[in-house]
Amino acid sequence: MSSTEALPQETSNSTRMSRGSLTMAWYGLVSAMFFVYIGAALAQAYGTRDALIGLGLTILSYGLINRVLAGYALRNGLTVAQFSRCALRNDGCHVAGEGFLTYPLRDGQH
């Protein structure tokens, strides 16, 4: 490896990740870490075995629900905002956004 290979290379804006994509990637990482925190708190409160059973059931139920919802959205070519409007009427995108924002706050209060 030469000394110039470690230097940052110039890239065009088209090859860089957009702010929105970077924000969503960061949010996904934070959500995953929050899920780990909830698992540790449950294990401490109820025992490791019961916490693992609960987390497994949660993952299974969320996975099944999201599979149905994502399949519907894909078949109809809907974005998240469009699907929320379809499911929750005109204020759907606001309700879904508020839900995403308040979920970590609500679970952190227990």
N, C-alpha and C. Protein backbone atom coordinates (compact mmCIF):
# COMPACT_ATOMS: atom_id res chain seq x y z
N MET A 1 0.85 -1.16 0.00
CA MET A 1 0.00 0.00 0.00
C MET A 1 0.89 1.23 0.00
N SER A 2 0.67 2.10 -0.96
CA SER A 2 1.49 3.31 -1.02
C SER A 2 0.92 4.37 -0.08
N SER A 3 1.69 5.39 0.16
CA SER A 3 1.25 6.42 1.09
C SER A 3 0.11 7.26 0.55
N THR A 4 -0.09 7.27 -0.76
CA THR A 4 -1.18 8.07 -1.32
C THR A 4 -2.52 7.35 -1.30
N GLU A 5 -2.52 6.04 -1.10
CA GLU A 5 -3.78 5.30 -1.08
C GLU A 5 -4.61 5.62 0.15
N ALA A 6 -3.98 6.02 1.23
CA ALA A 6 -4.70 6.31 2.47
C ALA A 6 -5.29 7.71 2.48
N LEU A 7 -4.92 8.55 1.53
CA LEU A 7 -5.44 9.91 1.49
C LEU A 7 -6.88 9.91 0.99
N PRO A 8 -7.68 10.85 1.48
CA PRO A 8 -9.06 10.91 0.99
C PRO A 8 -9.10 11.24 -0.50
N GLN A 9 -9.93 10.57 -1.22
CA GLN A 9 -10.06 10.80 -2.64
C GLN A 9 -11.23 11.74 -2.88
N GLU A 10 -11.11 12.57 -3.91
CA GLU A 10 -12.21 13.47 -4.25
C GLU A 10 -13.33 12.65 -4.87
N THR A 11 -14.53 12.95 -4.43
CA THR A 11 -15.70 12.28 -4.99
C THR A 11 -16.70 13.33 -5.40
N SER A 12 -17.49 13.00 -6.38
CA SER A 12 -18.53 13.93 -6.80
C SER A 12 -19.73 13.78 -5.87
N ASN A 13 -20.60 14.76 -5.91
CA ASN A 13 -21.79 14.71 -5.06
C ASN A 13 -22.71 13.56 -5.42
N SER A 14 -22.63 13.08 -6.66
CA SER A 14 -23.51 11.98 -7.07
C SER A 14 -23.09 10.65 -6.45
N THR A 15 -21.84 10.51 -6.03
CA THR A 15 -21.40 9.25 -5.43
C THR A 15 -21.50 9.27 -3.91
N ARG A 16 -21.81 10.41 -3.34
CA ARG A 16 -21.94 10.52 -1.88
C ARG A 16 -23.36 10.20 -1.45
N MET A 17 -23.48 9.79 -0.23
CA MET A 17 -24.78 9.51 0.36
C MET A 17 -25.48 10.83 0.64
N SER A 18 -26.76 10.92 0.35
CA SER A 18 -27.50 12.16 0.61
C SER A 18 -27.71 12.33 2.11
N ARG A 19 -28.05 13.54 2.51
CA ARG A 19 -28.30 13.80 3.94
C ARG A 19 -29.45 12.96 4.46
N GLY A 20 -30.49 12.82 3.65
CA GLY A 20 -31.64 12.02 4.06
C GLY A 20 -31.27 10.56 4.28
N SER A 21 -30.51 9.99 3.36
CA SER A 21 -30.09 8.59 3.49
C SER A 21 -29.17 8.40 4.68
N LEU A 22 -28.28 9.35 4.88
CA LEU A 22 -27.37 9.27 6.02
C LEU A 22 -28.13 9.38 7.34
N THR A 23 -29.13 10.26 7.38
CA THR A 23 -29.96 10.40 8.58
C THR A 23 -30.73 9.12 8.86
N MET A 24 -31.27 8.49 7.83
CA MET A 24 -32.02 7.25 8.03
C MET A 24 -31.10 6.12 8.48
N ALA A 25 -29.88 6.09 7.96
CA ALA A 25 -28.92 5.07 8.41
C ALA A 25 -28.57 5.29 9.88
N TRP A 26 -28.38 6.53 10.26
CA TRP A 26 -28.07 6.85 11.66
C TRP A 26 -29.25 6.47 12.55
N TYR A 27 -30.48 6.80 12.12
CA TYR A 27 -31.66 6.47 12.90
C TYR A 27 -31.80 4.95 13.06
N GLY A 28 -31.50 4.21 12.00
CA GLY A 28 -31.55 2.74 12.09
C GLY A 28 -30.56 2.20 13.11
N LEU A 29 -29.37 2.76 13.13
CA LEU A 29 -28.35 2.33 14.09
C LEU A 29 -28.79 2.67 15.52
N VAL A 30 -29.30 3.87 15.72
CA VAL A 30 -29.75 4.28 17.06
C VAL A 30 -30.93 3.41 17.50
N SER A 31 -31.83 3.11 16.61
CA SER A 31 -32.98 2.25 16.95
C SER A 31 -32.52 0.86 17.35
N ALA A 32 -31.55 0.32 16.64
CA ALA A 32 -31.03 -1.00 16.99
C ALA A 32 -30.36 -0.99 18.35
N MET A 33 -29.59 0.05 18.63
CA MET A 33 -28.94 0.15 19.94
C MET A 33 -29.97 0.32 21.05
N PHE A 34 -31.04 1.05 20.79
CA PHE A 34 -32.10 1.21 21.77
C PHE A 34 -32.77 -0.14 22.04
N PHE A 35 -32.94 -0.95 21.01
CA PHE A 35 -33.54 -2.28 21.17
C PHE A 35 -32.65 -3.15 22.06
N VAL A 36 -31.34 -3.03 21.92
CA VAL A 36 -30.39 -3.77 22.77
C VAL A 36 -30.54 -3.30 24.22
N TYR A 37 -30.69 -2.00 24.42
CA TYR A 37 -30.86 -1.45 25.76
C TYR A 37 -32.14 -1.99 26.41
N ILE A 38 -33.23 -2.03 25.65
CA ILE A 38 -34.50 -2.56 26.18
C ILE A 38 -34.33 -4.03 26.55
N GLY A 39 -33.64 -4.79 25.71
CA GLY A 39 -33.40 -6.20 26.01
C GLY A 39 -32.62 -6.38 27.30
N ALA A 40 -31.60 -5.57 27.51
CA ALA A 40 -30.80 -5.66 28.74
C ALA A 40 -31.64 -5.29 29.96
N ALA A 41 -32.47 -4.26 29.81
CA ALA A 41 -33.33 -3.84 30.93
C ALA A 41 -34.35 -4.93 31.26
N LEU A 42 -34.92 -5.56 30.25
CA LEU A 42 -35.87 -6.64 30.48
C LEU A 42 -35.20 -7.84 31.15
N ALA A 43 -34.00 -8.16 30.69
CA ALA A 43 -33.27 -9.29 31.29
C ALA A 43 -32.97 -9.02 32.75
N GLN A 44 -32.65 -7.80 33.08
CA GLN A 44 -32.36 -7.47 34.47
C GLN A 44 -33.63 -7.51 35.32
N ALA A 45 -34.75 -7.10 34.74
CA ALA A 45 -35.99 -7.04 35.50
C ALA A 45 -36.69 -8.40 35.60
N TYR A 46 -36.69 -9.18 34.52
CA TYR A 46 -37.48 -10.41 34.48
C TYR A 46 -36.68 -11.69 34.31
N GLY A 47 -35.40 -11.59 34.11
CA GLY A 47 -34.57 -12.76 33.88
C GLY A 47 -34.26 -12.93 32.41
N THR A 48 -33.13 -13.51 32.14
CA THR A 48 -32.65 -13.63 30.76
C THR A 48 -33.57 -14.49 29.90
N ARG A 49 -34.01 -15.61 30.44
CA ARG A 49 -34.84 -16.53 29.65
C ARG A 49 -36.14 -15.86 29.22
N ASP A 50 -36.85 -15.23 30.16
CA ASP A 50 -38.11 -14.57 29.83
C ASP A 50 -37.88 -13.39 28.89
N ALA A 51 -36.79 -12.65 29.07
CA ALA A 51 -36.49 -11.53 28.18
C ALA A 51 -36.23 -12.01 26.76
N LEU A 52 -35.49 -13.10 26.60
CA LEU A 52 -35.23 -13.64 25.27
C LEU A 52 -36.50 -14.14 24.60
N ILE A 53 -37.36 -14.77 25.37
CA ILE A 53 -38.65 -15.22 24.82
C ILE A 53 -39.47 -14.01 24.36
N GLY A 54 -39.54 -12.98 25.19
CA GLY A 54 -40.28 -11.77 24.84
C GLY A 54 -39.72 -11.07 23.63
N LEU A 55 -38.40 -10.95 23.57
CA LEU A 55 -37.78 -10.31 22.41
C LEU A 55 -38.01 -11.13 21.14
N GLY A 56 -37.92 -12.44 21.26
CA GLY A 56 -38.17 -13.30 20.10
C GLY A 56 -39.60 -13.16 19.58
N LEU A 57 -40.56 -13.13 20.50
CA LEU A 57 -41.96 -12.94 20.10
C LEU A 57 -42.20 -11.56 19.49
N THR A 58 -41.52 -10.56 20.03
CA THR A 58 -41.64 -9.20 19.49
C THR A 58 -41.10 -9.14 18.07
N ILE A 59 -39.93 -9.72 17.85
CA ILE A 59 -39.33 -9.72 16.52
C ILE A 59 -40.22 -10.47 15.54
N LEU A 60 -40.75 -11.60 15.95
CA LEU A 60 -41.62 -12.39 15.09
C LEU A 60 -42.89 -11.62 14.73
N SER A 61 -43.54 -11.02 15.73
CA SER A 61 -44.79 -10.31 15.45
C SER A 61 -44.54 -9.06 14.60
N TYR A 62 -43.51 -8.28 14.90
CA TYR A 62 -43.19 -7.11 14.07
C TYR A 62 -42.83 -7.55 12.65
N GLY A 63 -42.09 -8.62 12.52
CA GLY A 63 -41.72 -9.11 11.20
C GLY A 63 -42.92 -9.51 10.37
N LEU A 64 -43.87 -10.22 10.98
CA LEU A 64 -45.06 -10.64 10.25
C LEU A 64 -45.93 -9.45 9.85
N ILE A 65 -46.13 -8.53 10.78
CA ILE A 65 -46.94 -7.34 10.49
C ILE A 65 -46.28 -6.52 9.39
N ASN A 66 -44.97 -6.29 9.50
CA ASN A 66 -44.28 -5.48 8.50
C ASN A 66 -44.21 -6.18 7.14
N ARG A 67 -44.17 -7.49 7.13
CA ARG A 67 -44.17 -8.21 5.86
C ARG A 67 -45.48 -7.96 5.11
N VAL A 68 -46.59 -8.01 5.83
CA VAL A 68 -47.89 -7.76 5.20
C VAL A 68 -47.97 -6.30 4.72
N LEU A 69 -47.59 -5.37 5.58
CA LEU A 69 -47.68 -3.95 5.21
C LEU A 69 -46.72 -3.59 4.08
N ALA A 70 -45.49 -4.11 4.13
CA ALA A 70 -44.52 -3.81 3.07
C ALA A 70 -44.95 -4.44 1.75
N GLY A 71 -45.52 -5.63 1.80
CA GLY A 71 -46.01 -6.28 0.58
C GLY A 71 -47.10 -5.45 -0.07
N TYR A 72 -48.02 -4.92 0.73
CA TYR A 72 -49.09 -4.08 0.21
C TYR A 72 -48.51 -2.81 -0.41
N ALA A 73 -47.58 -2.17 0.29
CA ALA A 73 -46.98 -0.94 -0.21
C ALA A 73 -46.21 -1.20 -1.51
N LEU A 74 -45.49 -2.31 -1.59
CA LEU A 74 -44.73 -2.63 -2.81
C LEU A 74 -45.65 -2.93 -3.99
N ARG A 75 -46.71 -3.69 -3.74
CA ARG A 75 -47.64 -4.01 -4.83
C ARG A 75 -48.29 -2.76 -5.39
N ASN A 76 -48.54 -1.77 -4.54
CA ASN A 76 -49.22 -0.55 -4.97
C ASN A 76 -48.26 0.61 -5.23
N GLY A 77 -46.96 0.41 -5.07
CA GLY A 77 -45.97 1.44 -5.35
C GLY A 77 -46.07 2.64 -4.43
N LEU A 78 -46.33 2.41 -3.16
CA LEU A 78 -46.52 3.51 -2.21
C LEU A 78 -45.24 3.81 -1.43
N THR A 79 -45.01 5.08 -1.16
CA THR A 79 -43.93 5.47 -0.25
C THR A 79 -44.48 5.39 1.17
N VAL A 80 -43.62 5.64 2.15
CA VAL A 80 -44.06 5.59 3.54
C VAL A 80 -45.16 6.62 3.79
N ALA A 81 -44.96 7.84 3.29
CA ALA A 81 -45.96 8.89 3.50
C ALA A 81 -47.27 8.54 2.81
N GLN A 82 -47.21 8.03 1.58
CA GLN A 82 -48.42 7.66 0.87
C GLN A 82 -49.15 6.51 1.56
N PHE A 83 -48.39 5.53 2.04
CA PHE A 83 -49.02 4.42 2.74
C PHE A 83 -49.68 4.89 4.03
N SER A 84 -49.02 5.80 4.75
CA SER A 84 -49.61 6.32 5.98
C SER A 84 -50.89 7.08 5.69
N ARG A 85 -50.90 7.85 4.61
CA ARG A 85 -52.13 8.57 4.24
C ARG A 85 -53.24 7.59 3.87
N CYS A 86 -52.86 6.52 3.20
CA CYS A 86 -53.84 5.50 2.81
C CYS A 86 -54.41 4.81 4.05
N ALA A 87 -53.55 4.47 4.99
CA ALA A 87 -53.99 3.74 6.18
C ALA A 87 -54.65 4.64 7.22
N LEU A 88 -54.18 5.87 7.35
CA LEU A 88 -54.66 6.75 8.43
C LEU A 88 -55.33 8.02 7.92
N ARG A 89 -55.73 8.05 6.69
CA ARG A 89 -56.37 9.19 6.04
C ARG A 89 -55.42 10.36 5.87
N ASN A 90 -55.94 11.57 5.77
CA ASN A 90 -55.13 12.74 5.40
C ASN A 90 -54.03 13.07 6.40
N ASP A 91 -54.25 12.84 7.68
CA ASP A 91 -53.23 13.16 8.68
C ASP A 91 -52.28 12.00 8.93
N GLY A 92 -52.31 11.00 8.08
CA GLY A 92 -51.53 9.79 8.30
C GLY A 92 -50.04 10.00 8.39
N CYS A 93 -49.49 10.82 7.50
CA CYS A 93 -48.03 10.99 7.53
C CYS A 93 -47.60 11.71 8.80
N HIS A 94 -48.43 12.60 9.32
CA HIS A 94 -48.08 13.29 10.57
C HIS A 94 -48.16 12.34 11.76
N VAL A 95 -49.17 11.50 11.78
CA VAL A 95 -49.34 10.55 12.88
C VAL A 95 -48.19 9.55 12.89
N ALA A 96 -47.82 9.05 11.72
CA ALA A 96 -46.71 8.09 11.65
C ALA A 96 -45.41 8.74 12.08
N GLY A 97 -45.16 9.95 11.63
CA GLY A 97 -43.94 10.66 12.03
C GLY A 97 -43.86 10.91 13.51
N GLU A 98 -44.97 11.30 14.10
CA GLU A 98 -45.01 11.52 15.54
C GLU A 98 -44.79 10.21 16.29
N GLY A 99 -45.31 9.13 15.75
CA GLY A 99 -45.09 7.82 16.37
C GLY A 99 -43.64 7.42 16.37
N PHE A 100 -42.97 7.65 15.24
CA PHE A 100 -41.54 7.33 15.16
C PHE A 100 -40.73 8.17 16.13
N LEU A 101 -41.12 9.42 16.32
CA LEU A 101 -40.37 10.30 17.22
C LEU A 101 -40.62 10.00 18.69
N THR A 102 -41.83 9.62 19.04
CA THR A 102 -42.16 9.42 20.44
C THR A 102 -41.89 8.00 20.94
N TYR A 103 -41.66 7.04 20.05
CA TYR A 103 -41.44 5.65 20.48
C TYR A 103 -40.28 5.51 21.46
N PRO A 104 -39.10 6.03 21.14
CA PRO A 104 -38.00 5.88 22.11
C PRO A 104 -38.25 6.64 23.42
N LEU A 105 -38.91 7.77 23.32
CA LEU A 105 -39.21 8.55 24.53
C LEU A 105 -40.20 7.81 25.42
N ARG A 106 -41.23 7.24 24.80
CA ARG A 106 -42.26 6.54 25.57
C ARG A 106 -41.68 5.30 26.25
N ASP A 107 -40.91 4.51 25.52
CA ASP A 107 -40.34 3.30 26.11
C ASP A 107 -39.27 3.60 27.12
N GLY A 108 -38.61 4.72 27.01
CA GLY A 108 -37.58 5.10 27.97
C GLY A 108 -38.15 5.51 29.31
N GLN A 109 -39.46 5.80 29.37
CA GLN A 109 -40.09 6.25 30.61
C GLN A 109 -40.47 5.10 31.52
N HIS A 110 -40.53 3.91 31.02
CA HIS A 110 -40.98 2.77 31.86
C HIS A 110 -39.92 2.32 32.80
